[in-house]
Every structure is written in C-alpha cells, then in structure tokens.
Amino acid sequence: MNEQEFLASYDPRAYPAVAVTVDVVALTIREGALHLLLIRRGEPPFAGHWALPGGFVRPDEDLITGARRELAEETGLGGERLHRIHLEQLGSYGDPDRDPRMRIVSVAHLAFAPDLPDAAAGSDAEEAGWLPVTALPGRQLAFDHARVIDDGVERARSKLEYTPLATRFLAPEFTITELRAVYETVWGQPLHAGNFHRKVLSVPGFVESTGVSTERGGARGGPRAKLYRAGDARLLHPALLRPAREEAVR
C-alpha cells in the first residue's frame, strides 16, 4: 500500500476522540503589583469559577495563533501591538480527567507584557478582570488552572533570572532603582539595593549607560540617579538569581 492508498483508507474514527485547547497565563504589572488575567465562566462546566482565557483550537489555526486569538478576545488587543507581546509556550496538560466533557489536552502559553489594557469578557464569560497574583489563594479555579497558573508565574519569575525581559516593563531610559522595582514586583520580595545595583552592572550587555542622569534626586533628596537603557544581551550571564536560589547554590 502506497502513501495515497493508505490515507484514502485511513479512518480517524477508529481511535478515541481527543480535542486540543489553548490557555493563556497573561501577566502584567499594575499599580505596583503582579496581576493575572482571569475570566469568570458563564457556562458549564465549572460555571461561576474563575479560569484562564482559552478555548478550542480552530481547524485552520496553529497553537500560537489560537493563543493570540484568545488573548485578543479578552483584552481587545490587535494588530502589531498584539504581536509585540512576549508570548511563549508554557507546557502541555493532558490528565485524562482534567475536563469532564471529553479527553482534552491543553497547550498553555505565557504572555508577559507591560501596560496591557482592561479586560473585556467574551460571550461565554460572566466577567473578566486583572487580579493580583497574591489574591488568588482561596478562589475557585476551573479545570487544572491552579497548576497552570503556578507554572506560569514560576516561569515568569525564572525568565527574569536569565533574560533581560524586565527592561521591557520600563521606559526606554530608566534607573537601576526602577529596574529593581520590576524584579521585586515579579519575584514578590524586597532586594538589597546595593547588591542588585552591583549585579546588574556586572552582567555584560544587560544595561548600558546613557551618559545622563535624572533631572532631580530621589524623593528623599540626594544625588541624581544615572539613566540606563536596555543592552543587546539576549541572555544574562551570570544570571540574576532570586535570593533563595542564590543561597541554595552557594
């Protein structure tokens, strides 16, 4: 039997049906805190529960296109701005009992960007909104989304350890104090100002000096702060480890 004959006789109904969905862990910084985009489901299963934006992959879509579509539906983003958002595949979730409707495998994606707009609930959701990550414990989450969220937040925190992603949350010119604030927000812990400053400047290509300083000193006075811009590094070496991880490798 040649290839054409095989495909003509192949019957996919001979195998159990499996569907594919995409879910999006969308994170941004709002009001000095790390926020996550969630929707409250308006229909079964898990009606009334909070869930990640997501849905079934359409027949003419690849996975990343489906993830962008779902993100656009809940945020109103489109065009070039949507494609500039950092979006990467997070992982696959395929527990046989994760969805009561049928066997559904979800391919989750992580979206991480500044200044994401207010959420707008789609037709199948009661509401949508940005919730602080610290406010998630105790909320009813649909499917296995608690696990997916944990994985997404951890991925975002680790990305800041070994990539310059934090600079994308700042103006083109920024101070080291402003950069530290991004790390503290995403990592959820304070950092020693002097140690952070030293580590940032020791990483080749992470930031580069603009040669100018702020127009005035800090809120408590003092000298004007130097301004920096993002460098050309794609990976940070050495990495900026979280304090607990830094202690563990010593």
C-alpha atoms as a PDB file:
ATOM      1  CA  MET A   1       0.000   0.000   0.000  1.00  0.00           C
ATOM      2  CA  ASN A   2       1.445   3.360  -1.005  1.00  0.00           C
ATOM      3  CA  GLU A   3       1.018   6.669   0.843  1.00  0.00           C
ATOM      4  CA  GLN A   4      -2.017   7.799  -1.162  1.00  0.00           C
ATOM      5  CA  GLU A   5      -3.829   4.498  -0.743  1.00  0.00           C
ATOM      6  CA  PHE A   6      -3.093   4.453   2.995  1.00  0.00           C
ATOM      7  CA  LEU A   7      -4.518   7.938   3.526  1.00  0.00           C
ATOM      8  CA  ALA A   8      -7.602   7.151   1.445  1.00  0.00           C
ATOM      9  CA  SER A   9      -8.398   4.138   3.634  1.00  0.00           C
ATOM     10  CA  TYR A  10      -7.460   5.722   6.979  1.00  0.00           C
ATOM     11  CA  ASP A  11     -10.404   6.184   9.364  1.00  0.00           C
ATOM     12  CA  PRO A  12      -9.682   8.520  12.327  1.00  0.00           C
ATOM     13  CA  ARG A  13     -12.950   7.399  13.948  1.00  0.00           C
ATOM     14  CA  ALA A  14     -11.221   4.131  14.783  1.00  0.00           C
ATOM     15  CA  TYR A  15      -9.389   5.987  17.572  1.00  0.00           C
ATOM     16  CA  PRO A  16     -10.677   7.769  20.699  1.00  0.00           C
ATOM     17  CA  ALA A  17     -11.526  11.422  20.107  1.00  0.00           C
ATOM     18  CA  VAL A  18      -9.102  13.949  21.619  1.00  0.00           C
ATOM     19  CA  ALA A  19      -9.536  17.725  21.428  1.00  0.00           C
ATOM     20  CA  VAL A  20      -6.885  20.424  21.809  1.00  0.00           C
ATOM     21  CA  THR A  21      -7.311  23.760  23.575  1.00  0.00           C
ATOM     22  CA  VAL A  22      -5.034  26.669  24.377  1.00  0.00           C
ATOM     23  CA  ASP A  23      -4.955  28.525  27.689  1.00  0.00           C
ATOM     24  CA  VAL A  24      -3.093  31.787  28.309  1.00  0.00           C
ATOM     25  CA  VAL A  25      -1.382  32.807  31.543  1.00  0.00           C
ATOM     26  CA  ALA A  26      -1.296  36.574  30.899  1.00  0.00           C
ATOM     27  CA  LEU A  27       0.735  38.558  33.428  1.00  0.00           C
ATOM     28  CA  THR A  28       1.335  42.266  33.743  1.00  0.00           C
ATOM     29  CA  ILE A  29       2.296  44.837  36.374  1.00  0.00           C
ATOM     30  CA  ARG A  30      -0.480  47.111  37.599  1.00  0.00           C
ATOM     31  CA  GLU A  31      -0.357  49.557  40.478  1.00  0.00           C
ATOM     32  CA  GLY A  32       2.961  48.126  41.606  1.00  0.00           C
ATOM     33  CA  ALA A  33       1.718  44.515  41.801  1.00  0.00           C
ATOM     34  CA  LEU A  34       1.852  41.450  39.548  1.00  0.00           C
ATOM     35  CA  HIS A  35      -1.599  40.825  38.039  1.00  0.00           C
ATOM     36  CA  LEU A  36      -3.107  37.857  36.183  1.00  0.00           C
ATOM     37  CA  LEU A  37      -5.905  37.952  33.604  1.00  0.00           C
ATOM     38  CA  LEU A  38      -8.838  35.717  34.563  1.00  0.00           C
ATOM     39  CA  ILE A  39     -12.409  35.231  33.358  1.00  0.00           C
ATOM     40  CA  ARG A  40     -15.404  34.027  35.344  1.00  0.00           C
ATOM     41  CA  ARG A  41     -17.045  31.244  33.369  1.00  0.00           C
ATOM     42  CA  GLY A  42     -20.673  31.826  32.460  1.00  0.00           C
ATOM     43  CA  GLU A  43     -21.416  28.325  31.197  1.00  0.00           C
ATOM     44  CA  PRO A  44     -20.800  24.732  32.335  1.00  0.00           C
ATOM     45  CA  PRO A  45     -18.525  23.071  33.044  1.00  0.00           C
ATOM     46  CA  PHE A  46     -17.337  24.993  36.112  1.00  0.00           C
ATOM     47  CA  ALA A  47     -19.886  27.793  35.663  1.00  0.00           C
ATOM     48  CA  GLY A  48     -19.099  30.628  38.065  1.00  0.00           C
ATOM     49  CA  HIS A  49     -15.476  29.548  38.533  1.00  0.00           C
ATOM     50  CA  TRP A  50     -12.521  31.697  37.561  1.00  0.00           C
ATOM     51  CA  ALA A  51     -10.455  30.411  34.645  1.00  0.00           C
ATOM     52  CA  LEU A  52      -7.661  31.360  32.303  1.00  0.00           C
ATOM     53  CA  PRO A  53      -8.552  32.822  28.910  1.00  0.00           C
ATOM     54  CA  GLY A  54      -8.640  29.953  26.491  1.00  0.00           C
ATOM     55  CA  GLY A  55     -10.617  27.810  24.113  1.00  0.00           C
ATOM     56  CA  PHE A  56     -10.560  25.155  21.450  1.00  0.00           C
ATOM     57  CA  VAL A  57      -8.016  25.436  18.656  1.00  0.00           C
ATOM     58  CA  ARG A  58      -9.754  26.048  15.360  1.00  0.00           C
ATOM     59  CA  PRO A  59      -9.112  23.688  12.423  1.00  0.00           C
ATOM     60  CA  ASP A  60      -7.182  26.343  10.483  1.00  0.00           C
ATOM     61  CA  GLU A  61      -5.024  27.531  13.420  1.00  0.00           C
ATOM     62  CA  ASP A  62      -1.661  26.583  14.794  1.00  0.00           C
ATOM     63  CA  LEU A  63      -1.208  26.779  18.560  1.00  0.00           C
ATOM     64  CA  ILE A  64       0.372  30.236  18.800  1.00  0.00           C
ATOM     65  CA  THR A  65      -2.325  31.706  16.560  1.00  0.00           C
ATOM     66  CA  GLY A  66      -5.017  30.239  18.775  1.00  0.00           C
ATOM     67  CA  ALA A  67      -3.345  31.646  21.879  1.00  0.00           C
ATOM     68  CA  ARG A  68      -3.096  35.122  20.320  1.00  0.00           C
ATOM     69  CA  ARG A  69      -6.754  34.998  19.312  1.00  0.00           C
ATOM     70  CA  GLU A  70      -7.872  34.070  22.818  1.00  0.00           C
ATOM     71  CA  LEU A  71      -5.735  36.832  24.328  1.00  0.00           C
ATOM     72  CA  ALA A  72      -7.096  39.368  21.841  1.00  0.00           C
ATOM     73  CA  GLU A  73     -10.702  38.411  22.610  1.00  0.00           C
ATOM     74  CA  GLU A  74     -10.259  39.172  26.319  1.00  0.00           C
ATOM     75  CA  THR A  75      -8.073  42.295  26.036  1.00  0.00           C
ATOM     76  CA  GLY A  76      -9.109  43.926  22.772  1.00  0.00           C
ATOM     77  CA  LEU A  77      -5.511  43.941  21.590  1.00  0.00           C
ATOM     78  CA  GLY A  78      -4.889  43.511  17.912  1.00  0.00           C
ATOM     79  CA  GLY A  79      -2.513  44.092  15.049  1.00  0.00           C
ATOM     80  CA  GLU A  80       1.127  44.878  15.632  1.00  0.00           C
ATOM     81  CA  ARG A  81       0.656  45.547  19.345  1.00  0.00           C
ATOM     82  CA  LEU A  82      -0.626  42.006  19.891  1.00  0.00           C
ATOM     83  CA  HIS A  83       2.362  40.531  18.063  1.00  0.00           C
ATOM     84  CA  ARG A  84       4.819  42.571  20.172  1.00  0.00           C
ATOM     85  CA  ILE A  85       3.653  40.884  23.376  1.00  0.00           C
ATOM     86  CA  HIS A  86       6.052  38.308  24.767  1.00  0.00           C
ATOM     87  CA  LEU A  87       4.181  35.042  24.176  1.00  0.00           C
ATOM     88  CA  GLU A  88       5.746  31.626  24.604  1.00  0.00           C
ATOM     89  CA  GLN A  89       4.558  28.073  25.032  1.00  0.00           C
ATOM     90  CA  LEU A  90       4.444  27.155  28.701  1.00  0.00           C
ATOM     91  CA  GLY A  91       3.544  23.466  28.737  1.00  0.00           C
ATOM     92  CA  SER A  92       1.041  20.757  27.860  1.00  0.00           C
ATOM     93  CA  TYR A  93      -1.592  19.497  30.286  1.00  0.00           C
ATOM     94  CA  GLY A  94      -3.223  16.198  29.450  1.00  0.00           C
ATOM     95  CA  ASP A  95      -4.565  14.486  32.563  1.00  0.00           C
ATOM     96  CA  PRO A  96      -7.414  12.253  31.292  1.00  0.00           C
ATOM     97  CA  ASP A  97      -9.832  13.688  33.869  1.00  0.00           C
ATOM     98  CA  ARG A  98      -8.884  17.381  33.643  1.00  0.00           C
ATOM     99  CA  ASP A  99     -12.055  18.218  31.665  1.00  0.00           C
ATOM    100  CA  PRO A 100     -15.393  16.463  32.341  1.00  0.00           C
ATOM    101  CA  ARG A 101     -16.606  16.892  28.741  1.00  0.00           C
ATOM    102  CA  MET A 102     -14.138  14.659  26.938  1.00  0.00           C
ATOM    103  CA  ARG A 103     -10.425  13.966  26.624  1.00  0.00           C
ATOM    104  CA  ILE A 104      -8.949  17.445  26.110  1.00  0.00           C
ATOM    105  CA  VAL A 105      -5.274  18.332  26.015  1.00  0.00           C
ATOM    106  CA  SER A 106      -4.468  21.965  26.732  1.00  0.00           C
ATOM    107  CA  VAL A 107      -1.312  23.661  25.496  1.00  0.00           C
ATOM    108  CA  ALA A 108      -0.779  26.611  27.837  1.00  0.00           C
ATOM    109  CA  HIS A 109       1.057  29.776  26.837  1.00  0.00           C
ATOM    110  CA  LEU A 110       2.650  32.538  28.898  1.00  0.00           C
ATOM    111  CA  ALA A 111       2.006  36.164  27.932  1.00  0.00           C
ATOM    112  CA  PHE A 112       4.085  38.716  29.803  1.00  0.00           C
ATOM    113  CA  ALA A 113       3.890  42.392  28.902  1.00  0.00           C
ATOM    114  CA  PRO A 114       3.519  45.896  30.351  1.00  0.00           C
ATOM    115  CA  ASP A 115       0.510  48.162  30.004  1.00  0.00           C
ATOM    116  CA  LEU A 116      -1.993  45.527  28.967  1.00  0.00           C
ATOM    117  CA  PRO A 117      -5.483  47.056  28.661  1.00  0.00           C
ATOM    118  CA  ASP A 118      -8.528  46.403  30.818  1.00  0.00           C
ATOM    119  CA  ALA A 119     -10.173  43.041  30.246  1.00  0.00           C
ATOM    120  CA  ALA A 120     -13.437  42.631  28.322  1.00  0.00           C
ATOM    121  CA  ALA A 121     -15.403  39.434  28.921  1.00  0.00           C
ATOM    122  CA  GLY A 122     -16.225  37.358  25.856  1.00  0.00           C
ATOM    123  CA  SER A 123     -19.622  35.904  25.039  1.00  0.00           C
ATOM    124  CA  ASP A 124     -19.119  32.788  27.193  1.00  0.00           C
ATOM    125  CA  ALA A 125     -17.899  34.627  30.324  1.00  0.00           C
ATOM    126  CA  GLU A 126     -19.714  36.472  33.097  1.00  0.00           C
ATOM    127  CA  GLU A 127     -16.819  38.851  33.677  1.00  0.00           C
ATOM    128  CA  ALA A 128     -13.121  39.266  33.110  1.00  0.00           C
ATOM    129  CA  GLY A 129     -10.504  41.169  35.022  1.00  0.00           C
ATOM    130  CA  TRP A 130      -6.939  41.563  36.179  1.00  0.00           C
ATOM    131  CA  LEU A 131      -6.475  40.064  39.642  1.00  0.00           C
ATOM    132  CA  PRO A 132      -3.386  40.437  41.836  1.00  0.00           C
ATOM    133  CA  VAL A 133      -1.492  37.157  41.967  1.00  0.00           C
ATOM    134  CA  THR A 134      -1.430  37.470  45.756  1.00  0.00           C
ATOM    135  CA  ALA A 135      -5.260  37.439  45.790  1.00  0.00           C
ATOM    136  CA  LEU A 136      -5.614  34.061  44.040  1.00  0.00           C
ATOM    137  CA  PRO A 137      -5.425  31.691  47.041  1.00  0.00           C
ATOM    138  CA  GLY A 138      -8.903  30.602  48.061  1.00  0.00           C
ATOM    139  CA  ARG A 139     -10.585  31.400  44.757  1.00  0.00           C
ATOM    140  CA  GLN A 140     -12.425  28.653  42.891  1.00  0.00           C
ATOM    141  CA  LEU A 141     -10.492  27.901  39.726  1.00  0.00           C
ATOM    142  CA  ALA A 142     -11.754  25.777  36.847  1.00  0.00           C
ATOM    143  CA  PHE A 143     -10.133  22.651  35.448  1.00  0.00           C
ATOM    144  CA  ASP A 144      -6.454  22.322  36.444  1.00  0.00           C
ATOM    145  CA  HIS A 145      -5.841  26.046  36.082  1.00  0.00           C
ATOM    146  CA  ALA A 146      -4.388  26.437  39.573  1.00  0.00           C
ATOM    147  CA  ARG A 147      -1.500  24.218  38.483  1.00  0.00           C
ATOM    148  CA  VAL A 148      -1.138  26.027  35.152  1.00  0.00           C
ATOM    149  CA  ILE A 149      -1.065  29.411  36.905  1.00  0.00           C
ATOM    150  CA  ASP A 150       1.591  28.225  39.355  1.00  0.00           C
ATOM    151  CA  ASP A 151       3.712  27.024  36.438  1.00  0.00           C
ATOM    152  CA  GLY A 152       3.209  30.289  34.551  1.00  0.00           C
ATOM    153  CA  VAL A 153       4.134  32.538  37.460  1.00  0.00           C
ATOM    154  CA  GLU A 154       7.209  30.460  38.186  1.00  0.00           C
ATOM    155  CA  ARG A 155       8.242  30.622  34.517  1.00  0.00           C
ATOM    156  CA  ALA A 156       7.877  34.414  34.527  1.00  0.00           C
ATOM    157  CA  ARG A 157       9.956  34.709  37.689  1.00  0.00           C
ATOM    158  CA  SER A 158      12.665  32.484  36.285  1.00  0.00           C
ATOM    159  CA  LYS A 159      12.711  34.404  32.974  1.00  0.00           C
ATOM    160  CA  LEU A 160      13.820  37.467  34.907  1.00  0.00           C
ATOM    161  CA  GLU A 161      16.735  35.481  36.278  1.00  0.00           C
ATOM    162  CA  TYR A 162      18.337  34.660  32.947  1.00  0.00           C
ATOM    163  CA  THR A 163      16.845  37.079  30.364  1.00  0.00           C
ATOM    164  CA  PRO A 164      16.571  40.908  30.167  1.00  0.00           C
ATOM    165  CA  LEU A 165      12.759  40.714  29.971  1.00  0.00           C
ATOM    166  CA  ALA A 166      12.375  43.101  32.942  1.00  0.00           C
ATOM    167  CA  THR A 167      13.648  46.025  30.842  1.00  0.00           C
ATOM    168  CA  ARG A 168      10.548  45.763  28.646  1.00  0.00           C
ATOM    169  CA  PHE A 169       8.436  46.965  31.577  1.00  0.00           C
ATOM    170  CA  LEU A 170      10.260  50.278  31.729  1.00  0.00           C
ATOM    171  CA  ALA A 171      10.610  53.447  29.684  1.00  0.00           C
ATOM    172  CA  PRO A 172      13.434  53.464  27.101  1.00  0.00           C
ATOM    173  CA  GLU A 173      15.597  55.185  29.723  1.00  0.00           C
ATOM    174  CA  PHE A 174      15.388  54.067  33.337  1.00  0.00           C
ATOM    175  CA  THR A 175      17.222  53.994  36.637  1.00  0.00           C
ATOM    176  CA  ILE A 176      18.531  50.902  38.382  1.00  0.00           C
ATOM    177  CA  THR A 177      16.016  51.619  41.164  1.00  0.00           C
ATOM    178  CA  GLU A 178      13.162  51.390  38.644  1.00  0.00           C
ATOM    179  CA  LEU A 179      14.586  48.149  37.276  1.00  0.00           C
ATOM    180  CA  ARG A 180      14.848  46.753  40.797  1.00  0.00           C
ATOM    181  CA  ALA A 181      11.177  47.597  41.384  1.00  0.00           C
ATOM    182  CA  VAL A 182      10.196  45.322  38.476  1.00  0.00           C
ATOM    183  CA  TYR A 183      12.194  42.446  39.934  1.00  0.00           C
ATOM    184  CA  GLU A 184      10.733  42.997  43.398  1.00  0.00           C
ATOM    185  CA  THR A 185       7.188  43.052  41.993  1.00  0.00           C
ATOM    186  CA  VAL A 186       7.516  39.882  39.930  1.00  0.00           C
ATOM    187  CA  TRP A 187       9.569  37.977  42.500  1.00  0.00           C
ATOM    188  CA  GLY A 188       7.380  39.190  45.346  1.00  0.00           C
ATOM    189  CA  GLN A 189      10.203  40.075  47.704  1.00  0.00           C
ATOM    190  CA  PRO A 190      12.431  43.053  48.528  1.00  0.00           C
ATOM    191  CA  LEU A 191      16.003  43.127  47.240  1.00  0.00           C
ATOM    192  CA  HIS A 192      19.117  44.735  48.675  1.00  0.00           C
ATOM    193  CA  ALA A 193      19.618  47.920  46.657  1.00  0.00           C
ATOM    194  CA  GLY A 194      23.412  47.891  46.660  1.00  0.00           C
ATOM    195  CA  ASN A 195      23.762  44.211  45.811  1.00  0.00           C
ATOM    196  CA  PHE A 196      21.219  44.478  42.998  1.00  0.00           C
ATOM    197  CA  HIS A 197      22.950  47.517  41.514  1.00  0.00           C
ATOM    198  CA  ARG A 198      26.303  45.739  41.551  1.00  0.00           C
ATOM    199  CA  LYS A 199      24.931  42.547  39.997  1.00  0.00           C
ATOM    200  CA  VAL A 200      23.107  44.366  37.176  1.00  0.00           C
ATOM    201  CA  LEU A 201      26.211  46.284  36.144  1.00  0.00           C
ATOM    202  CA  SER A 202      28.333  43.121  36.256  1.00  0.00           C
ATOM    203  CA  VAL A 203      26.226  41.351  33.589  1.00  0.00           C
ATOM    204  CA  PRO A 204      27.631  42.119  30.121  1.00  0.00           C
ATOM    205  CA  GLY A 205      25.059  43.631  27.774  1.00  0.00           C
ATOM    206  CA  PHE A 206      22.216  43.770  30.310  1.00  0.00           C
ATOM    207  CA  VAL A 207      22.046  47.572  30.528  1.00  0.00           C
ATOM    208  CA  GLU A 208      24.157  50.382  29.143  1.00  0.00           C
ATOM    209  CA  SER A 209      24.638  53.896  30.411  1.00  0.00           C
ATOM    210  CA  THR A 210      23.011  56.794  28.562  1.00  0.00           C
ATOM    211  CA  GLY A 211      25.599  59.191  29.949  1.00  0.00           C
ATOM    212  CA  VAL A 212      22.940  61.382  31.544  1.00  0.00           C
ATOM    213  CA  SER A 213      21.170  61.493  34.909  1.00  0.00           C
ATOM    214  CA  THR A 214      17.701  62.258  36.187  1.00  0.00           C
ATOM    215  CA  GLU A 215      16.765  65.920  36.448  1.00  0.00           C
ATOM    216  CA  ARG A 216      16.476  65.733  40.221  1.00  0.00           C
ATOM    217  CA  GLY A 217      17.413  63.447  43.107  1.00  0.00           C
ATOM    218  CA  GLY A 218      15.200  60.905  44.768  1.00  0.00           C
ATOM    219  CA  ALA A 219      12.178  61.555  46.964  1.00  0.00           C
ATOM    220  CA  ARG A 220      14.492  61.952  49.957  1.00  0.00           C
ATOM    221  CA  GLY A 221      16.930  64.159  48.147  1.00  0.00           C
ATOM    222  CA  GLY A 222      20.466  63.047  47.437  1.00  0.00           C
ATOM    223  CA  PRO A 223      22.362  62.879  44.138  1.00  0.00           C
ATOM    224  CA  ARG A 224      20.640  62.491  40.792  1.00  0.00           C
ATOM    225  CA  ALA A 225      20.393  58.906  39.536  1.00  0.00           C
ATOM    226  CA  LYS A 226      22.148  57.704  36.417  1.00  0.00           C
ATOM    227  CA  LEU A 227      19.944  56.696  33.494  1.00  0.00           C
ATOM    228  CA  TYR A 228      20.389  53.444  31.580  1.00  0.00           C
ATOM    229  CA  ARG A 229      18.867  51.743  28.562  1.00  0.00           C
ATOM    230  CA  ALA A 230      18.477  48.063  27.670  1.00  0.00           C
ATOM    231  CA  GLY A 231      21.625  46.492  26.279  1.00  0.00           C
ATOM    232  CA  ASP A 232      21.960  43.943  23.488  1.00  0.00           C
ATOM    233  CA  ALA A 233      22.162  40.810  25.639  1.00  0.00           C
ATOM    234  CA  ARG A 234      19.572  38.108  24.983  1.00  0.00           C
ATOM    235  CA  LEU A 235      20.624  36.002  27.959  1.00  0.00           C
ATOM    236  CA  LEU A 236      22.038  37.147  31.284  1.00  0.00           C
ATOM    237  CA  HIS A 237      25.354  35.595  32.217  1.00  0.00           C
ATOM    238  CA  PRO A 238      25.852  35.399  35.082  1.00  0.00           C
ATOM    239  CA  ALA A 239      22.164  35.061  35.895  1.00  0.00           C
ATOM    240  CA  LEU A 240      20.424  37.243  38.492  1.00  0.00           C
ATOM    241  CA  LEU A 241      19.208  34.548  40.849  1.00  0.00           C
ATOM    242  CA  ARG A 242      16.456  35.046  43.382  1.00  0.00           C
ATOM    243  CA  PRO A 243      17.866  35.321  46.912  1.00  0.00           C
ATOM    244  CA  ALA A 244      16.645  31.864  47.965  1.00  0.00           C
ATOM    245  CA  ARG A 245      18.097  30.245  44.837  1.00  0.00           C
ATOM    246  CA  GLU A 246      21.335  32.140  45.274  1.00  0.00           C
ATOM    247  CA  GLU A 247      21.667  30.778  48.805  1.00  0.00           C
ATOM    248  CA  ALA A 248      20.950  27.253  47.574  1.00  0.00           C
ATOM    249  CA  VAL A 249      23.814  27.257  45.043  1.00  0.00           C
ATOM    250  CA  ARG A 250      26.411  28.626  47.443  1.00  0.00           C
END
